[in-house]
C-alpha atoms as a PDB file:
ATOM      1  CA  MET A   1      24.859  -5.960   3.723  1.00  0.00           C
ATOM      2  CA  GLU A   2      22.572  -4.271   1.240  1.00  0.00           C
ATOM      3  CA  LYS A   3      24.036  -1.717  -1.105  1.00  0.00           C
ATOM      4  CA  LEU A   4      21.161   0.516  -2.135  1.00  0.00           C
ATOM      5  CA  PHE A   5      21.628   3.184  -4.775  1.00  0.00           C
ATOM      6  CA  GLU A   6      18.790   5.641  -5.272  1.00  0.00           C
ATOM      7  CA  VAL A   7      17.584   5.984  -8.850  1.00  0.00           C
ATOM      8  CA  ARG A   8      16.696   9.612  -9.450  1.00  0.00           C
ATOM      9  CA  ASN A   9      17.134   9.923 -13.202  1.00  0.00           C
ATOM     10  CA  ASP A  10      16.698   7.220 -15.775  1.00  0.00           C
ATOM     11  CA  LEU A  11      16.294   7.038 -19.528  1.00  0.00           C
ATOM     12  CA  PHE A  12      12.475   6.787 -19.569  1.00  0.00           C
ATOM     13  CA  SER A  13      11.808   8.905 -16.434  1.00  0.00           C
ATOM     14  CA  ILE A  14      10.412   5.824 -14.666  1.00  0.00           C
ATOM     15  CA  ALA A  15      11.518   7.064 -11.235  1.00  0.00           C
ATOM     16  CA  GLU A  16       9.706  10.348 -11.836  1.00  0.00           C
ATOM     17  CA  ARG A  17       6.579   8.599 -13.124  1.00  0.00           C
ATOM     18  CA  ILE A  18       6.473   6.286 -10.105  1.00  0.00           C
ATOM     19  CA  LYS A  19       6.986   9.252  -7.802  1.00  0.00           C
ATOM     20  CA  SER A  20       3.890  10.809  -9.413  1.00  0.00           C
ATOM     21  CA  ILE A  21       1.879   7.846  -8.050  1.00  0.00           C
ATOM     22  CA  ASP A  22       3.016   8.669  -4.517  1.00  0.00           C
ATOM     23  CA  ALA A  23       5.391  11.491  -3.673  1.00  0.00           C
ATOM     24  CA  ASN A  24       6.941   9.334  -0.936  1.00  0.00           C
ATOM     25  CA  TYR A  25       8.021   6.572  -3.331  1.00  0.00           C
ATOM     26  CA  LYS A  26      11.697   6.130  -4.111  1.00  0.00           C
ATOM     27  CA  ILE A  27      13.365   3.579  -6.354  1.00  0.00           C
ATOM     28  CA  TYR A  28      16.631   1.975  -5.351  1.00  0.00           C
ATOM     29  CA  PHE A  29      18.918  -0.400  -7.170  1.00  0.00           C
ATOM     30  CA  ASN A  30      20.052  -3.121  -4.780  1.00  0.00           C
ATOM     31  CA  GLY A  31      23.692  -3.845  -5.570  1.00  0.00           C
ATOM     32  CA  ASP A  32      23.598  -7.176  -3.723  1.00  0.00           C
ATOM     33  CA  THR A  33      20.578  -8.646  -5.529  1.00  0.00           C
ATOM     34  CA  HIS A  34      20.935  -6.625  -8.749  1.00  0.00           C
ATOM     35  CA  ARG A  35      17.223  -5.773  -8.592  1.00  0.00           C
ATOM     36  CA  TYR A  36      15.228  -2.567  -8.414  1.00  0.00           C
ATOM     37  CA  GLU A  37      13.218  -1.934  -5.249  1.00  0.00           C
ATOM     38  CA  LEU A  38      10.389   0.405  -4.382  1.00  0.00           C
ATOM     39  CA  HIS A  39      10.564   2.145  -1.008  1.00  0.00           C
ATOM     40  CA  ASN A  40       8.153   4.511   0.720  1.00  0.00           C
ATOM     41  CA  GLU A  41      10.041   7.023   2.847  1.00  0.00           C
ATOM     42  CA  ARG A  42       7.018   7.680   5.110  1.00  0.00           C
ATOM     43  CA  ARG A  43       6.799   4.055   6.266  1.00  0.00           C
ATOM     44  CA  LYS A  44       9.035   2.081   8.542  1.00  0.00           C
ATOM     45  CA  PRO A  45      10.444  -0.133   7.208  1.00  0.00           C
ATOM     46  CA  THR A  46      10.570   1.738   3.932  1.00  0.00           C
ATOM     47  CA  TYR A  47      10.781  -1.357   1.700  1.00  0.00           C
ATOM     48  CA  GLN A  48       7.594  -1.950  -0.325  1.00  0.00           C
ATOM     49  CA  LEU A  49       8.454  -4.381  -3.115  1.00  0.00           C
ATOM     50  CA  THR A  50      11.068  -5.673  -5.512  1.00  0.00           C
ATOM     51  CA  PHE A  51      10.310  -5.202  -9.176  1.00  0.00           C
ATOM     52  CA  PRO A  52      10.334  -8.557 -11.009  1.00  0.00           C
ATOM     53  CA  TYR A  53      11.956  -6.991 -14.076  1.00  0.00           C
ATOM     54  CA  PRO A  54      15.683  -6.624 -14.750  1.00  0.00           C
ATOM     55  CA  THR A  55      15.273  -3.070 -16.108  1.00  0.00           C
ATOM     56  CA  LEU A  56      13.162  -0.045 -15.303  1.00  0.00           C
ATOM     57  CA  ASP A  57      10.478   0.462 -17.916  1.00  0.00           C
ATOM     58  CA  LYS A  58       6.720   0.962 -18.193  1.00  0.00           C
ATOM     59  CA  ARG A  59       6.125  -2.455 -16.628  1.00  0.00           C
ATOM     60  CA  ALA A  60       7.610  -1.114 -13.390  1.00  0.00           C
ATOM     61  CA  VAL A  61       5.165   1.818 -13.413  1.00  0.00           C
ATOM     62  CA  ASP A  62       2.253  -0.567 -14.041  1.00  0.00           C
ATOM     63  CA  TYR A  63       3.477  -2.900 -11.304  1.00  0.00           C
ATOM     64  CA  ALA A  64       3.726  -0.054  -8.783  1.00  0.00           C
ATOM     65  CA  LEU A  65       0.234   1.143  -9.723  1.00  0.00           C
ATOM     66  CA  GLU A  66      -1.237  -2.350  -9.427  1.00  0.00           C
ATOM     67  CA  SER A  67       0.410  -2.926  -6.054  1.00  0.00           C
ATOM     68  CA  GLY A  68      -0.925   0.387  -4.746  1.00  0.00           C
ATOM     69  CA  ILE A  69      -4.437  -0.405  -5.963  1.00  0.00           C
ATOM     70  CA  LYS A  70      -4.407  -3.862  -4.366  1.00  0.00           C
ATOM     71  CA  ASN A  71      -3.272  -2.335  -1.088  1.00  0.00           C
ATOM     72  CA  ARG A  72      -6.023   0.296  -1.228  1.00  0.00           C
ATOM     73  CA  GLU A  73      -8.618  -2.372  -1.991  1.00  0.00           C
ATOM     74  CA  ARG A  74      -7.459  -4.417   0.990  1.00  0.00           C
ATOM     75  CA  ILE A  75      -7.627  -1.384   3.258  1.00  0.00           C
ATOM     76  CA  LEU A  76     -11.108  -0.482   1.994  1.00  0.00           C
ATOM     77  CA  ARG A  77     -12.303  -4.048   2.639  1.00  0.00           C
ATOM     78  CA  GLN A  78     -10.950  -3.856   6.199  1.00  0.00           C
ATOM     79  CA  ILE A  79     -12.727  -0.529   6.764  1.00  0.00           C
ATOM     80  CA  GLU A  80     -15.988  -1.922   5.393  1.00  0.00           C
ATOM     81  CA  GLN A  81     -15.730  -5.014   7.613  1.00  0.00           C
ATOM     82  CA  HIS A  82     -15.012  -2.875  10.658  1.00  0.00           C
ATOM     83  CA  ASN A  83     -17.950  -0.562   9.905  1.00  0.00           C
ATOM     84  CA  LYS A  84     -20.261  -3.553   9.435  1.00  0.00           C
ATOM     85  CA  GLN A  85     -19.144  -4.962  12.778  1.00  0.00           C
ATOM     86  CA  LEU A  86     -19.793  -1.614  14.476  1.00  0.00           C
ATOM     87  CA  GLU A  87     -23.266  -1.413  12.918  1.00  0.00           C
ATOM     88  CA  GLU A  88     -24.075  -4.940  14.105  1.00  0.00           C
ATOM     89  CA  GLU A  89     -22.858  -4.161  17.633  1.00  0.00           C
ATOM     90  CA  HIS A  90     -24.895  -0.956  17.674  1.00  0.00           C
ATOM     91  CA  ALA A  91     -28.038  -2.775  16.450  1.00  0.00           C
ATOM     92  CA  LYS A  92     -27.579  -5.486  19.088  1.00  0.00           C
ATOM     93  CA  ALA A  93     -27.088  -2.930  21.864  1.00  0.00           C
ATOM     94  CA  LEU A  94     -30.186  -1.024  20.708  1.00  0.00           C
ATOM     95  CA  PHE A  95     -32.215  -4.245  20.598  1.00  0.00           C
ATOM     96  CA  GLU A  96     -31.093  -5.233  24.099  1.00  0.00           C
ATOM     97  CA  LYS A  97     -31.906  -1.760  25.438  1.00  0.00           C
ATOM     98  CA  THR A  98     -35.351  -1.911  23.828  1.00  0.00           C
ATOM     99  CA  MET A  99     -36.001  -5.388  25.275  1.00  0.00           C
ATOM    100  CA  GLN A 100     -34.961  -4.231  28.753  1.00  0.00           C
ATOM    101  CA  SER A 101     -37.373  -1.308  28.597  1.00  0.00           C
ATOM    102  CA  ILE A 102     -40.218  -3.630  27.534  1.00  0.00           C
ATOM    103  CA  GLU A 103     -39.517  -6.041  30.415  1.00  0.00           C
ATOM    104  CA  LEU A 104     -39.916  -3.284  33.027  1.00  0.00           C
END
C-alpha cells in the first residue's frame, strides 16, 4: 500500500513554486517507491507523474512545467482537429443543400 506524505515546505520552496504553476498541484513523497510524485487535487485519479529525480530541485519545477505544456499542446491539437472536422461537415452539408436546391 502506498505511503504518501505531502511535501508542503522544502529547502528551495519547490513545492510552492510548482503550486504557482497550478494551484491544484500537490507534491507527495511516496514512502514505498522513495520517489516524489505530482498530484492534481481537481482530477480523479489525482496522480499526474513521478519525478525522475531523487531530490526536489529546479529540475522538478522544469519537469512539471514541461509536462503541463505538452498536455496543453495535446489538448489544443485535439480542439483544432475537432474544429476542422466540424468545418468540413458544415461545408459538406452546405454543399449538399445547395446541390439539392439546384436539382429542383
